[in-house]
């Protein structure tokens, strides 16, 4: 499994894919935080806060993580190497986890340089350090689990088609439903039990909850459940090739 994981990571960085993803993520977020005038600009709003980063990051990842994950199984199916991969002395679950971890690793590498933003805002505070550290770390944890869920969805969608573009579109659509769709749908059932149930399926709801700096067990269970479900769905899809 580790050998496959290393192969996937090497594949990302042997081409421009990995570098472009990281560059686009940092450039887009940095532009909104520091260059575009308005309330979202850290220097203009007068508050030592990373709210702009944590507000835009889920939306940027909504397109970048599908771009990372779309090739994981689609490329194997298109080139015909998926059959060779399945004959190796490694289980379907280990194959899925190796590819999943490779996509998640790229996401983590993209997030790590943003600690420069945290350090900058920390220094800019008046007095220095006047920033909600608890909320910031909670938001980082929430963003990690959000990226982990996006990656799991992306791996599953990649297994559905040999066409990378189709896999990309399906991934974006599914992520959009989970992140924004359920929250919007719940508005139809205001003040009913259905509203609470549908909202509990919303990634945004759980992400915002963690961003307050309080790590609720319900939020962790939700994200872990999403990750496990989509990894299992991918495993089942691979196993179906043997039927």
C-alpha atoms as a PDB file:
ATOM      1  CA  UNK A   1       0.000   0.000   0.000  1.00  0.00           C
ATOM      2  CA  UNK A   2       2.802   2.394   0.891  1.00  0.00           C
ATOM      3  CA  UNK A   3       4.489   1.744  -2.468  1.00  0.00           C
ATOM      4  CA  UNK A   4       1.263   2.699  -4.286  1.00  0.00           C
ATOM      5  CA  UNK A   5       0.901   5.794  -2.110  1.00  0.00           C
ATOM      6  CA  UNK A   6       4.455   6.895  -2.963  1.00  0.00           C
ATOM      7  CA  UNK A   7       3.796   6.214  -6.638  1.00  0.00           C
ATOM      8  CA  UNK A   8       0.711   8.456  -6.612  1.00  0.00           C
ATOM      9  CA  UNK A   9       2.523  11.265  -4.789  1.00  0.00           C
ATOM     10  CA  UNK A  10       5.421  11.023  -7.213  1.00  0.00           C
ATOM     11  CA  UNK A  11       2.907  11.122 -10.064  1.00  0.00           C
ATOM     12  CA  UNK A  12       1.446  14.372  -8.792  1.00  0.00           C
ATOM     13  CA  UNK A  13       4.798  16.087  -8.538  1.00  0.00           C
ATOM     14  CA  UNK A  14       6.396  14.556 -11.622  1.00  0.00           C
ATOM     15  CA  UNK A  15       3.999  16.722 -13.621  1.00  0.00           C
ATOM     16  CA  UNK A  16       2.743  20.224 -12.978  1.00  0.00           C
ATOM     17  CA  UNK A  17      -0.511  19.007 -11.364  1.00  0.00           C
ATOM     18  CA  UNK A  18       0.621  19.098  -7.738  1.00  0.00           C
ATOM     19  CA  UNK A  19       2.466  22.390  -8.068  1.00  0.00           C
ATOM     20  CA  UNK A  20      -0.360  24.080  -9.979  1.00  0.00           C
ATOM     21  CA  UNK A  21      -2.960  23.012  -7.398  1.00  0.00           C
ATOM     22  CA  UNK A  22      -0.914  24.363  -4.497  1.00  0.00           C
ATOM     23  CA  UNK A  23      -0.077  27.571  -6.368  1.00  0.00           C
ATOM     24  CA  UNK A  24      -3.687  28.253  -7.386  1.00  0.00           C
ATOM     25  CA  UNK A  25      -4.945  27.605  -3.861  1.00  0.00           C
ATOM     26  CA  UNK A  26      -2.448  29.991  -2.253  1.00  0.00           C
ATOM     27  CA  UNK A  27      -2.766  32.619  -4.979  1.00  0.00           C
ATOM     28  CA  UNK A  28      -6.572  32.740  -4.955  1.00  0.00           C
ATOM     29  CA  UNK A  29      -6.879  32.847  -1.171  1.00  0.00           C
ATOM     30  CA  UNK A  30      -4.007  35.328  -0.827  1.00  0.00           C
ATOM     31  CA  UNK A  31      -5.565  37.615  -3.435  1.00  0.00           C
ATOM     32  CA  UNK A  32      -8.866  37.827  -1.548  1.00  0.00           C
ATOM     33  CA  UNK A  33      -7.110  38.291   1.795  1.00  0.00           C
ATOM     34  CA  UNK A  34      -4.510  40.895   0.919  1.00  0.00           C
ATOM     35  CA  UNK A  35      -5.123  42.457  -2.501  1.00  0.00           C
ATOM     36  CA  UNK A  36      -8.849  42.772  -3.302  1.00  0.00           C
ATOM     37  CA  UNK A  37     -10.202  45.883  -1.515  1.00  0.00           C
ATOM     38  CA  UNK A  38     -13.230  45.521   0.740  1.00  0.00           C
ATOM     39  CA  UNK A  39     -14.375  43.958   3.983  1.00  0.00           C
ATOM     40  CA  UNK A  40     -12.689  40.664   3.150  1.00  0.00           C
ATOM     41  CA  UNK A  41      -9.286  42.337   2.958  1.00  0.00           C
ATOM     42  CA  UNK A  42      -7.364  41.811   6.209  1.00  0.00           C
ATOM     43  CA  UNK A  43      -5.743  45.236   5.968  1.00  0.00           C
ATOM     44  CA  UNK A  44      -9.045  47.026   5.263  1.00  0.00           C
ATOM     45  CA  UNK A  45     -11.471  45.470   7.748  1.00  0.00           C
ATOM     46  CA  UNK A  46      -9.509  46.511  10.835  1.00  0.00           C
ATOM     47  CA  UNK A  47      -9.684  43.104  12.562  1.00  0.00           C
ATOM     48  CA  UNK A  48      -6.920  40.564  13.148  1.00  0.00           C
ATOM     49  CA  UNK A  49      -8.805  37.624  11.717  1.00  0.00           C
ATOM     50  CA  UNK A  50      -8.440  34.780   9.218  1.00  0.00           C
ATOM     51  CA  UNK A  51     -12.179  34.683   8.525  1.00  0.00           C
ATOM     52  CA  UNK A  52     -11.604  35.472   4.839  1.00  0.00           C
ATOM     53  CA  UNK A  53      -9.288  32.496   4.451  1.00  0.00           C
ATOM     54  CA  UNK A  54     -11.666  30.065   6.154  1.00  0.00           C
ATOM     55  CA  UNK A  55     -14.640  31.459   4.239  1.00  0.00           C
ATOM     56  CA  UNK A  56     -13.113  31.053   0.771  1.00  0.00           C
ATOM     57  CA  UNK A  57     -10.980  27.924   1.310  1.00  0.00           C
ATOM     58  CA  UNK A  58     -13.921  25.440   1.174  1.00  0.00           C
ATOM     59  CA  UNK A  59     -15.069  26.914  -2.148  1.00  0.00           C
ATOM     60  CA  UNK A  60     -11.579  26.879  -3.678  1.00  0.00           C
ATOM     61  CA  UNK A  61     -11.061  23.294  -2.502  1.00  0.00           C
ATOM     62  CA  UNK A  62     -14.432  22.426  -4.060  1.00  0.00           C
ATOM     63  CA  UNK A  63     -12.746  22.726  -7.452  1.00  0.00           C
ATOM     64  CA  UNK A  64      -9.118  21.938  -6.675  1.00  0.00           C
ATOM     65  CA  UNK A  65      -9.622  18.623  -4.878  1.00  0.00           C
ATOM     66  CA  UNK A  66     -11.785  17.233  -7.704  1.00  0.00           C
ATOM     67  CA  UNK A  67      -8.980  18.275 -10.060  1.00  0.00           C
ATOM     68  CA  UNK A  68      -6.563  16.238  -7.944  1.00  0.00           C
ATOM     69  CA  UNK A  69      -8.773  13.195  -7.452  1.00  0.00           C
ATOM     70  CA  UNK A  70     -10.269  12.925 -10.950  1.00  0.00           C
ATOM     71  CA  UNK A  71      -7.246  11.079 -12.341  1.00  0.00           C
ATOM     72  CA  UNK A  72      -6.765   8.562  -9.518  1.00  0.00           C
ATOM     73  CA  UNK A  73      -8.970   5.805 -10.961  1.00  0.00           C
ATOM     74  CA  UNK A  74     -10.149   7.388 -14.217  1.00  0.00           C
ATOM     75  CA  UNK A  75      -6.637   7.319 -15.635  1.00  0.00           C
ATOM     76  CA  UNK A  76      -6.153   3.696 -14.555  1.00  0.00           C
ATOM     77  CA  UNK A  77      -9.397   2.692 -16.282  1.00  0.00           C
ATOM     78  CA  UNK A  78      -8.644   4.616 -19.464  1.00  0.00           C
ATOM     79  CA  UNK A  79      -5.132   3.178 -19.819  1.00  0.00           C
ATOM     80  CA  UNK A  80      -6.260  -0.327 -18.836  1.00  0.00           C
ATOM     81  CA  UNK A  81      -3.814  -0.560 -15.913  1.00  0.00           C
ATOM     82  CA  UNK A  82      -6.665  -0.966 -13.426  1.00  0.00           C
ATOM     83  CA  UNK A  83      -6.799  -4.704 -14.187  1.00  0.00           C
ATOM     84  CA  UNK A  84      -3.072  -5.030 -13.572  1.00  0.00           C
ATOM     85  CA  UNK A  85      -3.421  -3.077 -10.330  1.00  0.00           C
ATOM     86  CA  UNK A  86      -6.170  -5.388  -9.092  1.00  0.00           C
ATOM     87  CA  UNK A  87      -3.981  -8.456  -9.663  1.00  0.00           C
ATOM     88  CA  UNK A  88      -1.304  -7.216  -7.280  1.00  0.00           C
ATOM     89  CA  UNK A  89      -1.021  -8.734  -3.792  1.00  0.00           C
ATOM     90  CA  UNK A  90      -2.945  -5.864  -2.267  1.00  0.00           C
ATOM     91  CA  UNK A  91      -6.621  -5.645  -1.346  1.00  0.00           C
ATOM     92  CA  UNK A  92      -9.137  -3.310  -2.963  1.00  0.00           C
ATOM     93  CA  UNK A  93      -9.444  -1.409   0.310  1.00  0.00           C
ATOM     94  CA  UNK A  94      -5.682  -0.857   0.492  1.00  0.00           C
ATOM     95  CA  UNK A  95      -5.690   0.419  -3.098  1.00  0.00           C
ATOM     96  CA  UNK A  96      -8.468   2.876  -2.306  1.00  0.00           C
ATOM     97  CA  UNK A  97      -6.821   4.079   0.903  1.00  0.00           C
ATOM     98  CA  UNK A  98      -3.453   4.565  -0.806  1.00  0.00           C
ATOM     99  CA  UNK A  99      -4.980   6.691  -3.547  1.00  0.00           C
ATOM    100  CA  UNK A 100      -7.177   8.543  -1.052  1.00  0.00           C
ATOM    101  CA  UNK A 101      -4.211   9.398   1.183  1.00  0.00           C
ATOM    102  CA  UNK A 102      -2.248  10.685  -1.800  1.00  0.00           C
ATOM    103  CA  UNK A 103      -5.023  13.172  -2.639  1.00  0.00           C
ATOM    104  CA  UNK A 104      -5.350  14.179   1.009  1.00  0.00           C
ATOM    105  CA  UNK A 105      -1.587  14.693   1.257  1.00  0.00           C
ATOM    106  CA  UNK A 106      -1.676  17.224  -1.586  1.00  0.00           C
ATOM    107  CA  UNK A 107      -4.487  19.057   0.218  1.00  0.00           C
ATOM    108  CA  UNK A 108      -2.481  19.138   3.461  1.00  0.00           C
ATOM    109  CA  UNK A 109       0.610  20.398   1.632  1.00  0.00           C
ATOM    110  CA  UNK A 110      -1.597  23.182   0.197  1.00  0.00           C
ATOM    111  CA  UNK A 111      -2.821  24.164   3.673  1.00  0.00           C
ATOM    112  CA  UNK A 112       0.559  24.196   5.429  1.00  0.00           C
ATOM    113  CA  UNK A 113       1.930  27.386   3.763  1.00  0.00           C
ATOM    114  CA  UNK A 114      -1.160  29.293   4.951  1.00  0.00           C
ATOM    115  CA  UNK A 115       0.313  29.314   8.451  1.00  0.00           C
ATOM    116  CA  UNK A 116       2.244  32.290   7.061  1.00  0.00           C
ATOM    117  CA  UNK A 117      -1.126  34.079   6.906  1.00  0.00           C
ATOM    118  CA  UNK A 118      -1.746  33.186  10.546  1.00  0.00           C
ATOM    119  CA  UNK A 119       1.679  34.459  11.583  1.00  0.00           C
ATOM    120  CA  UNK A 120       1.172  37.696   9.588  1.00  0.00           C
ATOM    121  CA  UNK A 121      -2.242  38.404  11.094  1.00  0.00           C
ATOM    122  CA  UNK A 122      -0.902  37.510  14.548  1.00  0.00           C
ATOM    123  CA  UNK A 123       1.856  40.114  14.124  1.00  0.00           C
ATOM    124  CA  UNK A 124      -0.523  42.723  12.705  1.00  0.00           C
ATOM    125  CA  UNK A 125      -2.871  42.545  15.701  1.00  0.00           C
ATOM    126  CA  UNK A 126      -3.071  45.542  18.002  1.00  0.00           C
ATOM    127  CA  UNK A 127      -1.792  44.572  20.494  1.00  0.00           C
ATOM    128  CA  UNK A 128       0.272  41.890  18.787  1.00  0.00           C
ATOM    129  CA  UNK A 129      -1.354  38.490  19.152  1.00  0.00           C
ATOM    130  CA  UNK A 130      -4.871  39.907  19.383  1.00  0.00           C
ATOM    131  CA  UNK A 131      -6.445  37.053  17.442  1.00  0.00           C
ATOM    132  CA  UNK A 132      -8.894  34.309  18.362  1.00  0.00           C
ATOM    133  CA  UNK A 133      -6.360  31.489  18.511  1.00  0.00           C
ATOM    134  CA  UNK A 134      -8.910  28.880  19.646  1.00  0.00           C
ATOM    135  CA  UNK A 135     -11.271  29.715  16.812  1.00  0.00           C
ATOM    136  CA  UNK A 136      -8.378  29.735  14.334  1.00  0.00           C
ATOM    137  CA  UNK A 137      -7.147  26.274  15.307  1.00  0.00           C
ATOM    138  CA  UNK A 138     -10.708  24.990  15.312  1.00  0.00           C
ATOM    139  CA  UNK A 139     -11.128  26.341  11.784  1.00  0.00           C
ATOM    140  CA  UNK A 140      -7.908  24.652  10.652  1.00  0.00           C
ATOM    141  CA  UNK A 141      -9.105  21.343  12.081  1.00  0.00           C
ATOM    142  CA  UNK A 142     -12.471  21.839  10.391  1.00  0.00           C
ATOM    143  CA  UNK A 143     -10.770  22.653   7.082  1.00  0.00           C
ATOM    144  CA  UNK A 144      -8.666  19.483   7.358  1.00  0.00           C
ATOM    145  CA  UNK A 145     -11.742  17.296   7.848  1.00  0.00           C
ATOM    146  CA  UNK A 146     -13.532  19.148   5.060  1.00  0.00           C
ATOM    147  CA  UNK A 147     -10.640  18.489   2.682  1.00  0.00           C
ATOM    148  CA  UNK A 148     -10.530  14.857   3.837  1.00  0.00           C
ATOM    149  CA  UNK A 149     -14.237  14.490   3.019  1.00  0.00           C
ATOM    150  CA  UNK A 150     -13.818  16.186  -0.361  1.00  0.00           C
ATOM    151  CA  UNK A 151     -10.967  13.797  -1.184  1.00  0.00           C
ATOM    152  CA  UNK A 152     -13.049  10.739  -0.262  1.00  0.00           C
ATOM    153  CA  UNK A 153     -15.870  11.923  -2.518  1.00  0.00           C
ATOM    154  CA  UNK A 154     -13.374  12.647  -5.294  1.00  0.00           C
ATOM    155  CA  UNK A 155     -11.853   9.166  -5.139  1.00  0.00           C
ATOM    156  CA  UNK A 156     -15.293   7.560  -5.414  1.00  0.00           C
ATOM    157  CA  UNK A 157     -16.339   9.747  -8.331  1.00  0.00           C
ATOM    158  CA  UNK A 158     -13.048   8.972 -10.083  1.00  0.00           C
ATOM    159  CA  UNK A 159     -13.921   5.273  -9.937  1.00  0.00           C
ATOM    160  CA  UNK A 160     -17.228   5.874 -11.724  1.00  0.00           C
ATOM    161  CA  UNK A 161     -15.835   6.946 -15.097  1.00  0.00           C
ATOM    162  CA  UNK A 162     -12.778   6.527 -17.272  1.00  0.00           C
ATOM    163  CA  UNK A 163     -13.230  10.124 -18.421  1.00  0.00           C
ATOM    164  CA  UNK A 164     -11.437  12.535 -16.103  1.00  0.00           C
ATOM    165  CA  UNK A 165     -13.609  15.501 -17.087  1.00  0.00           C
ATOM    166  CA  UNK A 166     -16.797  13.596 -16.244  1.00  0.00           C
ATOM    167  CA  UNK A 167     -15.256  12.475 -12.942  1.00  0.00           C
ATOM    168  CA  UNK A 168     -14.371  16.096 -12.179  1.00  0.00           C
ATOM    169  CA  UNK A 169     -17.898  17.364 -12.912  1.00  0.00           C
ATOM    170  CA  UNK A 170     -19.541  14.615 -10.849  1.00  0.00           C
ATOM    171  CA  UNK A 171     -17.203  15.314  -7.923  1.00  0.00           C
ATOM    172  CA  UNK A 172     -17.923  19.044  -7.936  1.00  0.00           C
ATOM    173  CA  UNK A 173     -21.667  18.359  -8.098  1.00  0.00           C
ATOM    174  CA  UNK A 174     -21.639  15.882  -5.198  1.00  0.00           C
ATOM    175  CA  UNK A 175     -19.448  18.121  -3.037  1.00  0.00           C
ATOM    176  CA  UNK A 176     -21.697  21.106  -3.785  1.00  0.00           C
ATOM    177  CA  UNK A 177     -24.752  19.145  -2.655  1.00  0.00           C
ATOM    178  CA  UNK A 178     -23.082  18.104   0.596  1.00  0.00           C
ATOM    179  CA  UNK A 179     -21.559  21.506   1.346  1.00  0.00           C
ATOM    180  CA  UNK A 180     -24.285  23.900   0.214  1.00  0.00           C
ATOM    181  CA  UNK A 181     -27.231  21.907  -1.149  1.00  0.00           C
ATOM    182  CA  UNK A 182     -28.500  20.357   2.092  1.00  0.00           C
ATOM    183  CA  UNK A 183     -28.269  23.697   3.895  1.00  0.00           C
ATOM    184  CA  UNK A 184     -30.367  25.361   1.184  1.00  0.00           C
ATOM    185  CA  UNK A 185     -32.852  22.494   1.109  1.00  0.00           C
ATOM    186  CA  UNK A 186     -33.420  22.744   4.867  1.00  0.00           C
ATOM    187  CA  UNK A 187     -34.812  26.267   4.385  1.00  0.00           C
ATOM    188  CA  UNK A 188     -37.927  24.689   2.851  1.00  0.00           C
ATOM    189  CA  UNK A 189     -38.701  22.910   6.125  1.00  0.00           C
ATOM    190  CA  UNK A 190     -38.286  25.790   8.586  1.00  0.00           C
ATOM    191  CA  UNK A 191     -39.188  25.002  12.206  1.00  0.00           C
ATOM    192  CA  UNK A 192     -39.722  21.304  11.540  1.00  0.00           C
ATOM    193  CA  UNK A 193     -37.840  18.168  12.495  1.00  0.00           C
ATOM    194  CA  UNK A 194     -36.962  17.692   8.824  1.00  0.00           C
ATOM    195  CA  UNK A 195     -35.037  20.982   8.896  1.00  0.00           C
ATOM    196  CA  UNK A 196     -32.759  19.706  11.667  1.00  0.00           C
ATOM    197  CA  UNK A 197     -32.245  16.330   9.970  1.00  0.00           C
ATOM    198  CA  UNK A 198     -31.348  17.877   6.599  1.00  0.00           C
ATOM    199  CA  UNK A 199     -29.064  20.470   8.217  1.00  0.00           C
ATOM    200  CA  UNK A 200     -27.226  17.664  10.002  1.00  0.00           C
ATOM    201  CA  UNK A 201     -26.198  16.398   6.551  1.00  0.00           C
ATOM    202  CA  UNK A 202     -24.641  19.738   5.607  1.00  0.00           C
ATOM    203  CA  UNK A 203     -20.838  19.900   5.594  1.00  0.00           C
ATOM    204  CA  UNK A 204     -20.986  23.666   5.968  1.00  0.00           C
ATOM    205  CA  UNK A 205     -22.994  23.368   9.179  1.00  0.00           C
ATOM    206  CA  UNK A 206     -20.409  21.069  10.780  1.00  0.00           C
ATOM    207  CA  UNK A 207     -17.500  23.085   9.389  1.00  0.00           C
ATOM    208  CA  UNK A 208     -18.885  26.313  10.846  1.00  0.00           C
ATOM    209  CA  UNK A 209     -19.449  24.557  14.161  1.00  0.00           C
ATOM    210  CA  UNK A 210     -15.785  23.534  14.372  1.00  0.00           C
ATOM    211  CA  UNK A 211     -14.707  27.024  13.304  1.00  0.00           C
ATOM    212  CA  UNK A 212     -16.007  28.387  16.600  1.00  0.00           C
ATOM    213  CA  UNK A 213     -13.131  26.648  18.324  1.00  0.00           C
ATOM    214  CA  UNK A 214     -15.232  23.955  19.996  1.00  0.00           C
ATOM    215  CA  UNK A 215     -14.578  20.461  18.651  1.00  0.00           C
ATOM    216  CA  UNK A 216     -17.916  18.685  19.031  1.00  0.00           C
ATOM    217  CA  UNK A 217     -17.976  14.895  18.830  1.00  0.00           C
ATOM    218  CA  UNK A 218     -20.978  15.105  16.499  1.00  0.00           C
ATOM    219  CA  UNK A 219     -18.949  17.072  13.966  1.00  0.00           C
ATOM    220  CA  UNK A 220     -16.070  14.595  14.078  1.00  0.00           C
ATOM    221  CA  UNK A 221     -18.451  11.643  13.718  1.00  0.00           C
ATOM    222  CA  UNK A 222     -20.120  13.307  10.726  1.00  0.00           C
ATOM    223  CA  UNK A 223     -16.889  13.891   8.800  1.00  0.00           C
ATOM    224  CA  UNK A 224     -15.491  10.456   9.660  1.00  0.00           C
ATOM    225  CA  UNK A 225     -18.778   8.871   8.543  1.00  0.00           C
ATOM    226  CA  UNK A 226     -18.629  10.681   5.178  1.00  0.00           C
ATOM    227  CA  UNK A 227     -15.021   9.592   4.652  1.00  0.00           C
ATOM    228  CA  UNK A 228     -15.680   5.958   5.576  1.00  0.00           C
ATOM    229  CA  UNK A 229     -18.865   5.729   3.490  1.00  0.00           C
ATOM    230  CA  UNK A 230     -17.257   7.037   0.302  1.00  0.00           C
ATOM    231  CA  UNK A 231     -14.132   4.923   0.767  1.00  0.00           C
ATOM    232  CA  UNK A 232     -16.351   1.867   1.165  1.00  0.00           C
ATOM    233  CA  UNK A 233     -18.368   2.851  -1.917  1.00  0.00           C
ATOM    234  CA  UNK A 234     -15.141   3.081  -3.904  1.00  0.00           C
ATOM    235  CA  UNK A 235     -14.060  -0.325  -2.621  1.00  0.00           C
ATOM    236  CA  UNK A 236     -17.409  -1.812  -3.676  1.00  0.00           C
ATOM    237  CA  UNK A 237     -17.056  -0.219  -7.120  1.00  0.00           C
ATOM    238  CA  UNK A 238     -13.645  -1.844  -7.565  1.00  0.00           C
ATOM    239  CA  UNK A 239     -14.929  -5.191  -6.364  1.00  0.00           C
ATOM    240  CA  UNK A 240     -17.787  -4.996  -8.867  1.00  0.00           C
ATOM    241  CA  UNK A 241     -15.246  -5.407 -11.684  1.00  0.00           C
ATOM    242  CA  UNK A 242     -14.746  -8.994 -10.540  1.00  0.00           C
ATOM    243  CA  UNK A 243     -18.451  -9.840 -10.641  1.00  0.00           C
END
